[in-house]
Amino acid sequence: MATLNKVMLIGRLTDDPEAPRVLPNSGNKVVKFRFAVGRSRKNPDTGQWENDPNPLFIDCEAFSRGENSRVPDLISQYTRKGSQIYIEGRLQLDQWEDRQTGQKRSKHKVVVDAIQLLDGRSGDDDGSRSMSTSARGASSRGQSNNYDMDEPRGGSEPEPEVPF
């Protein structure tokens, strides 16, 4: 039986990302951040695009392993609260027991494999350029990551309003 666990989202950081930390057993870096995803839909009566007033808030983690070795550094260096980014990753379920109540708790989070910064570079007059920082640009053949500074922004749908 085939399975697929892939997440692709565009949204904004709800706060500055945590500083990257090194995991003691593996030496890999990890950075955690919170991400808000909204959605917009066309009102059938007016034909206008409207933003959903209830965005989803998602906890995310990015690890520096294999082809993703630079993703935590890129997130911590180039994103801040309100930064718009595209992420690719997978869902993971965390489970634990609450120390105060003893109840079992759980939450889903996204483990990030690749990112793309969607905000314009500082110094751009119109903010119409983005920096592609896809960790998938590196392959097992030893190619370097692809950082395309001149990639135009696309999309015809309006950006959703995020309450921060």
C-alpha atoms as a PDB file:
ATOM      1  CA  MET A   1       0.000   0.000   0.000  1.00  0.00           C
ATOM      2  CA  ALA A   2       1.397   3.400  -0.991  1.00  0.00           C
ATOM      3  CA  THR A   3       1.474   6.295   1.466  1.00  0.00           C
ATOM      4  CA  LEU A   4       2.277   9.973   1.145  1.00  0.00           C
ATOM      5  CA  ASN A   5       3.027  12.503   3.874  1.00  0.00           C
ATOM      6  CA  LYS A   6       3.768  15.850   2.203  1.00  0.00           C
ATOM      7  CA  VAL A   7       2.746  19.353   3.231  1.00  0.00           C
ATOM      8  CA  MET A   8       3.103  22.505   1.115  1.00  0.00           C
ATOM      9  CA  LEU A   9       2.038  25.779   2.730  1.00  0.00           C
ATOM     10  CA  ILE A  10       2.367  29.530   2.257  1.00  0.00           C
ATOM     11  CA  GLY A  11       1.932  31.676   5.317  1.00  0.00           C
ATOM     12  CA  ARG A  12       3.574  34.063   7.744  1.00  0.00           C
ATOM     13  CA  LEU A  13       5.641  33.610  10.878  1.00  0.00           C
ATOM     14  CA  THR A  14       3.689  34.574  13.992  1.00  0.00           C
ATOM     15  CA  ASP A  15       6.865  35.407  15.918  1.00  0.00           C
ATOM     16  CA  ASP A  16      10.612  35.500  15.368  1.00  0.00           C
ATOM     17  CA  PRO A  17      12.023  31.983  14.984  1.00  0.00           C
ATOM     18  CA  GLU A  18      13.862  30.502  17.942  1.00  0.00           C
ATOM     19  CA  ALA A  19      17.639  30.620  17.801  1.00  0.00           C
ATOM     20  CA  PRO A  20      19.025  27.433  16.220  1.00  0.00           C
ATOM     21  CA  ARG A  21      20.300  24.897  18.718  1.00  0.00           C
ATOM     22  CA  VAL A  22      22.548  21.895  18.257  1.00  0.00           C
ATOM     23  CA  LEU A  23      21.153  18.491  19.169  1.00  0.00           C
ATOM     24  CA  PRO A  24      23.556  16.692  21.543  1.00  0.00           C
ATOM     25  CA  ASN A  25      23.451  13.182  20.061  1.00  0.00           C
ATOM     26  CA  SER A  26      23.601  13.957  16.342  1.00  0.00           C
ATOM     27  CA  GLY A  27      25.224  17.383  16.141  1.00  0.00           C
ATOM     28  CA  ASN A  28      22.413  18.515  13.811  1.00  0.00           C
ATOM     29  CA  LYS A  29      20.862  21.969  14.211  1.00  0.00           C
ATOM     30  CA  VAL A  30      17.160  22.518  14.784  1.00  0.00           C
ATOM     31  CA  VAL A  31      15.137  25.713  14.613  1.00  0.00           C
ATOM     32  CA  LYS A  32      11.514  25.997  15.731  1.00  0.00           C
ATOM     33  CA  PHE A  33       8.993  28.561  14.589  1.00  0.00           C
ATOM     34  CA  ARG A  34       5.255  29.148  14.523  1.00  0.00           C
ATOM     35  CA  PHE A  35       3.465  29.685  11.246  1.00  0.00           C
ATOM     36  CA  ALA A  36       0.021  31.080  10.383  1.00  0.00           C
ATOM     37  CA  VAL A  37      -1.837  29.983   7.273  1.00  0.00           C
ATOM     38  CA  GLY A  38      -4.964  31.711   6.086  1.00  0.00           C
ATOM     39  CA  ARG A  39      -7.088  31.155   3.073  1.00  0.00           C
ATOM     40  CA  SER A  40      -9.177  33.273   0.804  1.00  0.00           C
ATOM     41  CA  ARG A  41     -12.235  32.372  -1.184  1.00  0.00           C
ATOM     42  CA  LYS A  42     -14.440  34.047  -3.710  1.00  0.00           C
ATOM     43  CA  ASN A  43     -17.783  35.243  -2.397  1.00  0.00           C
ATOM     44  CA  PRO A  44     -20.387  33.763  -4.764  1.00  0.00           C
ATOM     45  CA  ASP A  45     -22.715  36.742  -4.272  1.00  0.00           C
ATOM     46  CA  THR A  46     -20.265  39.602  -4.826  1.00  0.00           C
ATOM     47  CA  GLY A  47     -17.515  37.876  -6.821  1.00  0.00           C
ATOM     48  CA  GLN A  48     -14.935  39.471  -4.507  1.00  0.00           C
ATOM     49  CA  TRP A  49     -12.113  37.630  -2.743  1.00  0.00           C
ATOM     50  CA  GLU A  50     -12.611  37.437   1.036  1.00  0.00           C
ATOM     51  CA  ASN A  51     -10.170  36.341   3.710  1.00  0.00           C
ATOM     52  CA  ASP A  52     -11.105  33.647   6.206  1.00  0.00           C
ATOM     53  CA  PRO A  53     -11.036  35.310   9.668  1.00  0.00           C
ATOM     54  CA  ASN A  54      -9.726  32.116  11.316  1.00  0.00           C
ATOM     55  CA  PRO A  55      -6.140  31.327  10.277  1.00  0.00           C
ATOM     56  CA  LEU A  56      -4.472  28.050  11.242  1.00  0.00           C
ATOM     57  CA  PHE A  57      -1.496  28.283  13.594  1.00  0.00           C
ATOM     58  CA  ILE A  58       1.085  25.558  12.997  1.00  0.00           C
ATOM     59  CA  ASP A  59       4.221  24.648  14.934  1.00  0.00           C
ATOM     60  CA  CYS A  60       7.184  23.902  12.658  1.00  0.00           C
ATOM     61  CA  GLU A  61      10.695  22.473  13.064  1.00  0.00           C
ATOM     62  CA  ALA A  62      13.562  22.453  10.584  1.00  0.00           C
ATOM     63  CA  PHE A  63      16.571  20.159  11.031  1.00  0.00           C
ATOM     64  CA  SER A  64      20.003  20.331   9.403  1.00  0.00           C
ATOM     65  CA  ARG A  65      20.506  16.880   7.991  1.00  0.00           C
ATOM     66  CA  GLY A  66      21.498  15.711   4.542  1.00  0.00           C
ATOM     67  CA  GLU A  67      20.207  17.973   1.791  1.00  0.00           C
ATOM     68  CA  ASN A  68      18.534  20.235   4.388  1.00  0.00           C
ATOM     69  CA  SER A  69      21.742  21.264   6.133  1.00  0.00           C
ATOM     70  CA  ARG A  70      21.252  25.022   5.624  1.00  0.00           C
ATOM     71  CA  VAL A  71      17.505  25.336   6.225  1.00  0.00           C
ATOM     72  CA  PRO A  72      17.693  26.151   9.987  1.00  0.00           C
ATOM     73  CA  ASP A  73      20.327  28.842   9.383  1.00  0.00           C
ATOM     74  CA  LEU A  74      18.339  30.371   6.521  1.00  0.00           C
ATOM     75  CA  ILE A  75      15.177  30.501   8.634  1.00  0.00           C
ATOM     76  CA  SER A  76      16.917  32.114  11.598  1.00  0.00           C
ATOM     77  CA  GLN A  77      18.894  34.611   9.462  1.00  0.00           C
ATOM     78  CA  TYR A  78      16.311  35.709   6.900  1.00  0.00           C
ATOM     79  CA  THR A  79      12.898  35.460   8.578  1.00  0.00           C
ATOM     80  CA  ARG A  80      11.219  37.484  11.289  1.00  0.00           C
ATOM     81  CA  LYS A  81       7.723  37.873  12.686  1.00  0.00           C
ATOM     82  CA  GLY A  82       5.417  38.519   9.734  1.00  0.00           C
ATOM     83  CA  SER A  83       7.800  37.112   7.093  1.00  0.00           C
ATOM     84  CA  GLN A  84       5.940  35.319   4.334  1.00  0.00           C
ATOM     85  CA  ILE A  85       7.452  31.969   3.342  1.00  0.00           C
ATOM     86  CA  TYR A  86       6.588  28.825   1.443  1.00  0.00           C
ATOM     87  CA  ILE A  87       7.420  25.599   3.259  1.00  0.00           C
ATOM     88  CA  GLU A  88       7.510  21.972   2.199  1.00  0.00           C
ATOM     89  CA  GLY A  89       7.674  19.191   4.717  1.00  0.00           C
ATOM     90  CA  ARG A  90       5.808  16.393   6.408  1.00  0.00           C
ATOM     91  CA  LEU A  91       3.366  16.068   9.280  1.00  0.00           C
ATOM     92  CA  GLN A  92       4.553  14.538  12.517  1.00  0.00           C
ATOM     93  CA  LEU A  93       2.544  13.687  15.629  1.00  0.00           C
ATOM     94  CA  ASP A  94       4.102  14.561  18.999  1.00  0.00           C
ATOM     95  CA  GLN A  95       2.670  12.821  22.062  1.00  0.00           C
ATOM     96  CA  TRP A  96       3.483  13.401  25.736  1.00  0.00           C
ATOM     97  CA  GLU A  97       2.023  13.267  29.209  1.00  0.00           C
ATOM     98  CA  ASP A  98       1.175  16.577  30.843  1.00  0.00           C
ATOM     99  CA  ARG A  99       3.283  16.882  34.015  1.00  0.00           C
ATOM    100  CA  GLN A 100       0.670  18.907  35.899  1.00  0.00           C
ATOM    101  CA  THR A 101      -2.492  16.981  35.063  1.00  0.00           C
ATOM    102  CA  GLY A 102      -1.107  13.590  34.017  1.00  0.00           C
ATOM    103  CA  GLN A 103      -3.275  13.659  30.894  1.00  0.00           C
ATOM    104  CA  LYS A 104      -1.995  12.402  27.571  1.00  0.00           C
ATOM    105  CA  ARG A 105      -1.483  15.257  25.130  1.00  0.00           C
ATOM    106  CA  SER A 106      -0.677  15.401  21.431  1.00  0.00           C
ATOM    107  CA  LYS A 107      -0.248  17.832  18.581  1.00  0.00           C
ATOM    108  CA  HIS A 108       0.642  17.739  14.914  1.00  0.00           C
ATOM    109  CA  LYS A 109       3.578  19.778  13.664  1.00  0.00           C
ATOM    110  CA  VAL A 110       5.304  20.239  10.320  1.00  0.00           C
ATOM    111  CA  VAL A 111       8.884  19.031   9.934  1.00  0.00           C
ATOM    112  CA  VAL A 112      10.244  21.372   7.262  1.00  0.00           C
ATOM    113  CA  ASP A 113      12.338  20.000   4.391  1.00  0.00           C
ATOM    114  CA  ALA A 114      12.524  23.083   2.131  1.00  0.00           C
ATOM    115  CA  ILE A 115      11.648  26.760   2.238  1.00  0.00           C
ATOM    116  CA  GLN A 116      11.260  29.652  -0.134  1.00  0.00           C
ATOM    117  CA  LEU A 117      11.322  33.229   1.101  1.00  0.00           C
ATOM    118  CA  LEU A 118       8.500  35.198  -0.494  1.00  0.00           C
ATOM    119  CA  ASP A 119       9.122  38.669   0.937  1.00  0.00           C
ATOM    120  CA  GLY A 120      11.020  41.073  -1.320  1.00  0.00           C
ATOM    121  CA  ARG A 121      14.676  41.649  -0.606  1.00  0.00           C
ATOM    122  CA  SER A 122      15.498  44.755   1.375  1.00  0.00           C
ATOM    123  CA  GLY A 123      16.372  47.550  -1.020  1.00  0.00           C
ATOM    124  CA  ASP A 124      13.779  46.549  -3.618  1.00  0.00           C
ATOM    125  CA  ASP A 125      11.480  49.424  -4.466  1.00  0.00           C
ATOM    126  CA  ASP A 126       8.357  47.366  -5.007  1.00  0.00           C
ATOM    127  CA  GLY A 127       9.168  44.160  -3.128  1.00  0.00           C
ATOM    128  CA  SER A 128       8.541  42.191  -6.303  1.00  0.00           C
ATOM    129  CA  ARG A 129      11.557  39.882  -5.997  1.00  0.00           C
ATOM    130  CA  SER A 130      11.975  36.835  -3.861  1.00  0.00           C
ATOM    131  CA  MET A 131      14.853  34.661  -2.757  1.00  0.00           C
ATOM    132  CA  SER A 132      14.500  30.981  -3.444  1.00  0.00           C
ATOM    133  CA  THR A 133      16.122  28.925  -0.707  1.00  0.00           C
ATOM    134  CA  SER A 134      14.992  25.466  -1.551  1.00  0.00           C
ATOM    135  CA  ALA A 135      16.989  22.817   0.246  1.00  0.00           C
ATOM    136  CA  ARG A 136      15.991  20.394  -2.490  1.00  0.00           C
ATOM    137  CA  GLY A 137      18.391  22.173  -4.874  1.00  0.00           C
ATOM    138  CA  ALA A 138      21.190  20.012  -3.496  1.00  0.00           C
ATOM    139  CA  SER A 139      21.377  16.446  -4.633  1.00  0.00           C
ATOM    140  CA  SER A 140      23.374  13.400  -3.720  1.00  0.00           C
ATOM    141  CA  ARG A 141      25.635  14.203  -6.688  1.00  0.00           C
ATOM    142  CA  GLY A 142      27.084  17.087  -4.692  1.00  0.00           C
ATOM    143  CA  GLN A 143      25.383  20.020  -6.398  1.00  0.00           C
ATOM    144  CA  SER A 144      25.083  23.189  -4.368  1.00  0.00           C
ATOM    145  CA  ASN A 145      21.810  24.754  -3.235  1.00  0.00           C
ATOM    146  CA  ASN A 146      19.985  26.964  -5.716  1.00  0.00           C
ATOM    147  CA  TYR A 147      19.627  30.583  -4.569  1.00  0.00           C
ATOM    148  CA  ASP A 148      17.802  32.392  -7.346  1.00  0.00           C
ATOM    149  CA  MET A 149      17.690  36.058  -6.391  1.00  0.00           C
ATOM    150  CA  ASP A 150      15.833  37.143  -9.542  1.00  0.00           C
ATOM    151  CA  GLU A 151      12.868  34.792  -9.454  1.00  0.00           C
ATOM    152  CA  PRO A 152       9.687  36.825 -10.030  1.00  0.00           C
ATOM    153  CA  ARG A 153       6.796  36.570  -7.626  1.00  0.00           C
ATOM    154  CA  GLY A 154       3.778  34.810  -8.977  1.00  0.00           C
ATOM    155  CA  GLY A 155       0.193  34.277  -8.035  1.00  0.00           C
ATOM    156  CA  SER A 156      -2.993  36.077  -8.868  1.00  0.00           C
ATOM    157  CA  GLU A 157      -4.888  35.505  -5.634  1.00  0.00           C
ATOM    158  CA  PRO A 158      -4.721  38.153  -2.905  1.00  0.00           C
ATOM    159  CA  GLU A 159      -2.670  37.457   0.191  1.00  0.00           C
ATOM    160  CA  PRO A 160      -4.731  36.562   3.253  1.00  0.00           C
ATOM    161  CA  GLU A 161      -4.769  38.925   6.222  1.00  0.00           C
ATOM    162  CA  VAL A 162      -3.058  37.394   9.253  1.00  0.00           C
ATOM    163  CA  PRO A 163      -3.910  38.923  12.650  1.00  0.00           C
ATOM    164  CA  PHE A 164      -0.482  40.036  13.931  1.00  0.00           C
END
